[in-house]
Amino acid sequence: MALTHLDATEGGRARMVDVGAKPESARTATAEGAIRMSAEAFRLVADQAVTKGDVLAVSEIAGTMAAKRTAELIPLCHPLGLDHVEVRGSLDEGLPGVRVRATVRVVGRTGVEMEALTAVSVALLTVYDMVKSADREMEILAVRLLEKTGGSRGDWRRA
């Protein structure tokens, strides 16, 4: 399989893929990730005792904002008018830490996998920023695409 972001020149130069001739279709992508922290930091988040505010709420907003700006952050990504972004953070005492899941939807000519992954990544970075005074050894884990629907390649789900 050829890489679509490389042109046919020797060595392959980076390029933005021309999606102008592709038909529009309903597309979705869902991604997830987590951040592990100390039990003490987790308790602060769970008790909403972090001085910067409600960690889950702020991280969800940050993830939503990031999804909408993905094309400004990732070279060669197409700017998209997203139809819906949902970012949900949840506490996981077993980590201990926070899990984040993002689903993005659009009717368009290209997929929204990068938008979902960006939403999760920025939401987790926001958790780190808000909690770092309590735990600088937090670890962001397993940011990954879970599924995507639509487009010419069809649907895909992580096994």
Protein backbone atom coordinates (compact mmCIF):
# COMPACT_ATOMS: atom_id res chain seq x y z
CA MET A 1 0.00 0.00 0.00
CA ALA A 2 1.40 3.40 -1.02
CA LEU A 3 1.49 6.25 1.48
CA THR A 4 -1.06 8.85 0.35
CA HIS A 5 0.80 11.84 1.77
CA LEU A 6 3.82 11.28 -0.49
CA ASP A 7 3.87 12.29 -4.14
CA ALA A 8 5.30 10.24 -7.04
CA THR A 9 8.65 12.06 -7.22
CA GLU A 10 11.86 10.23 -6.38
CA GLY A 11 12.05 10.07 -2.61
CA GLY A 12 8.40 11.08 -2.32
CA ARG A 13 7.74 14.67 -1.25
CA ALA A 14 5.13 15.38 1.40
CA ARG A 15 1.84 16.65 0.02
CA MET A 16 -1.73 17.24 1.04
CA VAL A 17 -4.01 14.61 -0.48
CA ASP A 18 -6.51 15.98 -3.01
CA VAL A 19 -9.92 14.82 -1.80
CA GLY A 20 -11.92 17.09 -4.14
CA ALA A 21 -13.20 14.25 -6.34
CA LYS A 22 -14.20 12.00 -3.46
CA PRO A 23 -17.90 11.79 -2.61
CA GLU A 24 -19.08 13.13 0.73
CA SER A 25 -20.15 10.51 3.23
CA ALA A 26 -21.00 10.29 6.91
CA ARG A 27 -17.82 9.53 8.82
CA THR A 28 -17.07 8.91 12.49
CA ALA A 29 -14.02 8.06 14.55
CA THR A 30 -13.63 7.09 18.19
CA ALA A 31 -10.34 7.17 20.10
CA GLU A 32 -9.32 6.59 23.70
CA GLY A 33 -6.42 7.06 26.07
CA ALA A 34 -5.59 7.27 29.76
CA ILE A 35 -3.33 8.99 32.25
CA ARG A 36 -2.00 7.20 35.30
CA MET A 37 -1.24 9.20 38.45
CA SER A 38 -0.46 8.71 42.11
CA ALA A 39 -3.23 7.68 44.48
CA GLU A 40 -2.94 11.08 46.17
CA ALA A 41 -3.35 12.98 42.89
CA PHE A 42 -6.25 10.71 41.92
CA ARG A 43 -8.00 11.50 45.18
CA LEU A 44 -7.63 15.26 44.51
CA VAL A 45 -9.22 14.82 41.07
CA ALA A 46 -11.99 12.58 42.39
CA ASP A 47 -12.78 14.98 45.23
CA GLN A 48 -12.66 17.97 42.84
CA ALA A 49 -10.00 19.47 45.12
CA VAL A 50 -7.55 20.51 42.37
CA THR A 51 -6.97 24.26 42.72
CA LYS A 52 -7.28 24.84 38.95
CA GLY A 53 -10.87 23.54 38.91
CA ASP A 54 -12.90 20.57 37.72
CA VAL A 55 -10.30 18.46 35.92
CA LEU A 56 -12.71 16.28 33.95
CA ALA A 57 -14.87 19.17 32.77
CA VAL A 58 -11.93 21.34 31.70
CA SER A 59 -10.18 18.45 29.94
CA GLU A 60 -13.36 17.60 28.02
CA ILE A 61 -13.67 21.19 26.81
CA ALA A 62 -9.98 21.27 25.86
CA GLY A 63 -10.37 18.05 23.88
CA THR A 64 -13.39 19.42 22.04
CA MET A 65 -11.55 22.63 21.17
CA ALA A 66 -8.51 20.66 19.99
CA ALA A 67 -10.57 18.45 17.67
CA LYS A 68 -11.87 21.59 15.95
CA ARG A 69 -8.29 22.85 15.43
CA THR A 70 -6.61 19.63 14.31
CA ALA A 71 -5.73 20.99 10.86
CA GLU A 72 -3.74 23.78 12.55
CA LEU A 73 -1.76 21.28 14.61
CA ILE A 74 -1.12 18.35 12.24
CA PRO A 75 0.60 19.16 8.95
CA LEU A 76 -1.31 18.13 5.81
CA CYS A 77 -4.60 17.52 7.67
CA HIS A 78 -7.65 18.92 5.93
CA PRO A 79 -9.62 21.56 7.82
CA LEU A 80 -13.07 20.14 8.49
CA GLY A 81 -16.37 21.62 9.61
CA LEU A 82 -17.10 19.02 12.26
CA ASP A 83 -20.72 18.09 12.88
CA HIS A 84 -20.20 16.73 16.39
CA VAL A 85 -17.45 16.19 18.94
CA GLU A 86 -18.01 14.32 22.18
CA VAL A 87 -15.19 14.01 24.71
CA ARG A 88 -15.78 12.12 27.95
CA GLY A 89 -13.37 11.78 30.83
CA SER A 90 -13.92 9.24 33.56
CA LEU A 91 -12.15 8.32 36.76
CA ASP A 92 -10.51 4.90 36.94
CA GLU A 93 -9.46 4.01 40.46
CA GLY A 94 -7.75 0.87 39.15
CA LEU A 95 -5.10 2.88 37.26
CA PRO A 96 -5.39 5.15 39.29
CA GLY A 97 -6.14 7.92 36.86
CA VAL A 98 -8.40 9.27 34.17
CA ARG A 99 -9.61 7.64 30.96
CA VAL A 100 -10.71 9.77 28.01
CA ARG A 101 -12.81 8.73 25.02
CA ALA A 102 -13.63 11.00 22.06
CA THR A 103 -16.03 10.50 19.17
CA VAL A 104 -16.05 12.85 16.20
CA ARG A 105 -18.57 12.99 13.34
CA VAL A 106 -18.61 14.78 10.00
CA VAL A 107 -20.23 14.52 6.61
CA GLY A 108 -17.27 15.08 4.34
CA ARG A 109 -14.67 13.81 1.90
CA THR A 110 -12.07 12.71 4.45
CA GLY A 111 -12.09 10.93 7.78
CA VAL A 112 -11.93 12.27 11.30
CA GLU A 113 -9.46 9.85 12.90
CA MET A 114 -6.90 12.59 13.51
CA GLU A 115 -9.54 14.81 15.12
CA ALA A 116 -10.56 12.04 17.56
CA LEU A 117 -6.92 11.25 18.42
CA THR A 118 -6.11 14.94 18.87
CA ALA A 119 -9.12 15.40 21.15
CA VAL A 120 -7.98 12.54 23.40
CA SER A 121 -4.36 13.68 23.43
CA VAL A 122 -5.12 17.27 24.35
CA ALA A 123 -7.68 16.23 26.97
CA LEU A 124 -5.03 14.05 28.61
CA LEU A 125 -2.41 16.81 28.39
CA THR A 126 -4.91 19.11 30.09
CA VAL A 127 -5.32 16.62 32.94
CA TYR A 128 -1.54 16.57 33.27
CA ASP A 129 -1.34 20.36 33.31
CA MET A 130 -4.05 20.71 35.93
CA VAL A 131 -2.67 18.01 38.25
CA LYS A 132 1.10 18.37 37.77
CA SER A 133 1.57 20.29 41.01
CA ALA A 134 0.42 17.16 42.86
CA ASP A 135 2.21 14.58 40.68
CA ARG A 136 4.90 15.24 38.07
CA GLU A 137 5.34 11.53 37.37
CA MET A 138 1.96 11.05 35.67
CA GLU A 139 2.08 8.90 32.58
CA ILE A 140 -0.08 9.21 29.46
CA LEU A 141 -0.97 5.75 28.19
CA ALA A 142 -2.33 3.98 25.11
CA VAL A 143 -3.77 6.78 23.00
CA ARG A 144 -5.30 4.83 20.14
CA LEU A 145 -8.02 4.71 17.55
CA LEU A 146 -10.86 2.37 18.49
CA GLU A 147 -13.01 2.57 15.37
CA LYS A 148 -13.87 4.55 12.28
CA THR A 149 -16.84 4.44 9.96
CA GLY A 150 -17.54 5.72 6.47
CA GLY A 151 -15.38 6.51 3.51
CA SER A 152 -14.19 4.41 0.60
CA ARG A 153 -12.25 1.99 2.80
CA GLY A 154 -15.32 1.23 4.89
CA ASP A 155 -15.64 0.64 8.59
CA TRP A 156 -12.83 -0.48 10.89
CA ARG A 157 -12.84 -1.55 14.54
CA ARG A 158 -9.96 -2.46 16.80
CA ALA A 159 -9.97 -6.21 17.38
